[in-house]
C-alpha atoms as a PDB file:
ATOM      1  CA  UNK A   1      78.391  98.181 118.527  1.00  0.00           C
ATOM      2  CA  UNK A   2      76.269  99.198 121.419  1.00  0.00           C
ATOM      3  CA  UNK A   3      76.989  99.448 125.123  1.00  0.00           C
ATOM      4  CA  UNK A   4      75.325  96.066 125.564  1.00  0.00           C
ATOM      5  CA  UNK A   5      77.687  94.539 122.994  1.00  0.00           C
ATOM      6  CA  UNK A   6      80.680  95.900 124.891  1.00  0.00           C
ATOM      7  CA  UNK A   7      79.264  94.632 128.212  1.00  0.00           C
ATOM      8  CA  UNK A   8      79.014  91.106 126.745  1.00  0.00           C
ATOM      9  CA  UNK A   9      82.719  91.075 125.671  1.00  0.00           C
ATOM     10  CA  UNK A  10      85.349  89.145 127.494  1.00  0.00           C
ATOM     11  CA  UNK A  11      88.393  91.074 128.720  1.00  0.00           C
ATOM     12  CA  UNK A  12      90.406  89.711 125.817  1.00  0.00           C
ATOM     13  CA  UNK A  13      87.817  90.696 123.243  1.00  0.00           C
ATOM     14  CA  UNK A  14      87.561  94.179 124.664  1.00  0.00           C
ATOM     15  CA  UNK A  15      91.329  94.643 124.758  1.00  0.00           C
ATOM     16  CA  UNK A  16      91.588  93.584 121.093  1.00  0.00           C
ATOM     17  CA  UNK A  17      88.823  96.000 120.119  1.00  0.00           C
ATOM     18  CA  UNK A  18      90.500  98.770 122.135  1.00  0.00           C
ATOM     19  CA  UNK A  19      93.836  98.104 120.391  1.00  0.00           C
ATOM     20  CA  UNK A  20      92.052  98.378 117.037  1.00  0.00           C
ATOM     21  CA  UNK A  21      90.513 101.707 118.040  1.00  0.00           C
ATOM     22  CA  UNK A  22      93.878 103.078 119.180  1.00  0.00           C
ATOM     23  CA  UNK A  23      95.542 101.932 115.968  1.00  0.00           C
ATOM     24  CA  UNK A  24      92.928 103.619 113.833  1.00  0.00           C
ATOM     25  CA  UNK A  25      93.190 106.863 115.788  1.00  0.00           C
ATOM     26  CA  UNK A  26      96.988 106.838 115.715  1.00  0.00           C
ATOM     27  CA  UNK A  27      97.040 106.429 111.946  1.00  0.00           C
ATOM     28  CA  UNK A  28      94.885 109.542 111.631  1.00  0.00           C
ATOM     29  CA  UNK A  29      93.225 108.207 108.504  1.00  0.00           C
ATOM     30  CA  UNK A  30      89.644 108.693 109.685  1.00  0.00           C
ATOM     31  CA  UNK A  31      87.427 111.715 109.420  1.00  0.00           C
ATOM     32  CA  UNK A  32      86.870 113.945 112.409  1.00  0.00           C
ATOM     33  CA  UNK A  33      83.371 112.702 113.152  1.00  0.00           C
ATOM     34  CA  UNK A  34      84.517 109.085 112.960  1.00  0.00           C
ATOM     35  CA  UNK A  35      87.501 109.925 115.180  1.00  0.00           C
ATOM     36  CA  UNK A  36      85.156 111.278 117.828  1.00  0.00           C
ATOM     37  CA  UNK A  37      82.979 108.141 117.646  1.00  0.00           C
ATOM     38  CA  UNK A  38      86.072 105.946 117.846  1.00  0.00           C
ATOM     39  CA  UNK A  39      87.342 107.907 120.856  1.00  0.00           C
ATOM     40  CA  UNK A  40      83.998 107.444 122.640  1.00  0.00           C
ATOM     41  CA  UNK A  41      84.022 103.689 121.849  1.00  0.00           C
ATOM     42  CA  UNK A  42      87.605 103.457 123.094  1.00  0.00           C
ATOM     43  CA  UNK A  43      86.649 105.140 126.367  1.00  0.00           C
ATOM     44  CA  UNK A  44      83.811 102.609 126.857  1.00  0.00           C
ATOM     45  CA  UNK A  45      86.115  99.708 126.060  1.00  0.00           C
ATOM     46  CA  UNK A  46      88.759 101.001 128.484  1.00  0.00           C
ATOM     47  CA  UNK A  47      86.135 101.313 131.263  1.00  0.00           C
ATOM     48  CA  UNK A  48      84.890  97.780 130.523  1.00  0.00           C
ATOM     49  CA  UNK A  49      88.451  96.385 130.679  1.00  0.00           C
ATOM     50  CA  UNK A  50      89.121  98.205 133.943  1.00  0.00           C
ATOM     51  CA  UNK A  51      85.948  96.710 135.489  1.00  0.00           C
ATOM     52  CA  UNK A  52      86.832  93.205 134.301  1.00  0.00           C
ATOM     53  CA  UNK A  53      90.385  93.520 135.638  1.00  0.00           C
ATOM     54  CA  UNK A  54      89.169  94.871 139.001  1.00  0.00           C
ATOM     55  CA  UNK A  55      86.685  91.958 139.287  1.00  0.00           C
ATOM     56  CA  UNK A  56      89.506  89.498 138.634  1.00  0.00           C
ATOM     57  CA  UNK A  57      91.726  91.158 141.225  1.00  0.00           C
ATOM     58  CA  UNK A  58      88.904  91.056 143.734  1.00  0.00           C
ATOM     59  CA  UNK A  59      88.400  87.322 143.119  1.00  0.00           C
ATOM     60  CA  UNK A  60      92.104  86.598 143.652  1.00  0.00           C
ATOM     61  CA  UNK A  61      92.133  88.627 146.826  1.00  0.00           C
ATOM     62  CA  UNK A  62      89.072  86.715 148.138  1.00  0.00           C
ATOM     63  CA  UNK A  63      90.714  83.388 147.308  1.00  0.00           C
ATOM     64  CA  UNK A  64      93.896  84.456 149.077  1.00  0.00           C
ATOM     65  CA  UNK A  65      91.940  85.586 152.150  1.00  0.00           C
ATOM     66  CA  UNK A  66      90.050  82.278 152.281  1.00  0.00           C
ATOM     67  CA  UNK A  67      93.341  80.417 152.215  1.00  0.00           C
ATOM     68  CA  UNK A  68      94.638  82.509 155.100  1.00  0.00           C
ATOM     69  CA  UNK A  69      97.219  84.236 152.905  1.00  0.00           C
ATOM     70  CA  UNK A  70      98.020  87.868 152.898  1.00  0.00           C
ATOM     71  CA  UNK A  71      95.614  89.956 150.823  1.00  0.00           C
ATOM     72  CA  UNK A  72      96.297  92.926 148.641  1.00  0.00           C
ATOM     73  CA  UNK A  73      97.654  93.131 145.160  1.00  0.00           C
ATOM     74  CA  UNK A  74     101.171  93.676 143.974  1.00  0.00           C
ATOM     75  CA  UNK A  75     101.741  95.408 140.659  1.00  0.00           C
ATOM     76  CA  UNK A  76     103.101  92.923 138.120  1.00  0.00           C
ATOM     77  CA  UNK A  77     105.870  95.336 137.173  1.00  0.00           C
ATOM     78  CA  UNK A  78     107.315  94.951 140.699  1.00  0.00           C
ATOM     79  CA  UNK A  79     107.724  91.193 140.466  1.00  0.00           C
END
């Protein structure tokens, strides 16, 4: 997959692909060169997921501001 393919992924698709990469690396059943390529792909997938998540958080904050509600995000773990 190319960078363009990753950019076209939904958050859920990218997370699933990232989980697959992590699983393969954790098993340690791939050759060194393939491990490096998987790690690079995983880094790109992680960055893509982070961007998608940030965009979603920004949208929620904008909606809250438009409704006159307090803005800012609260970590889900704290709820």
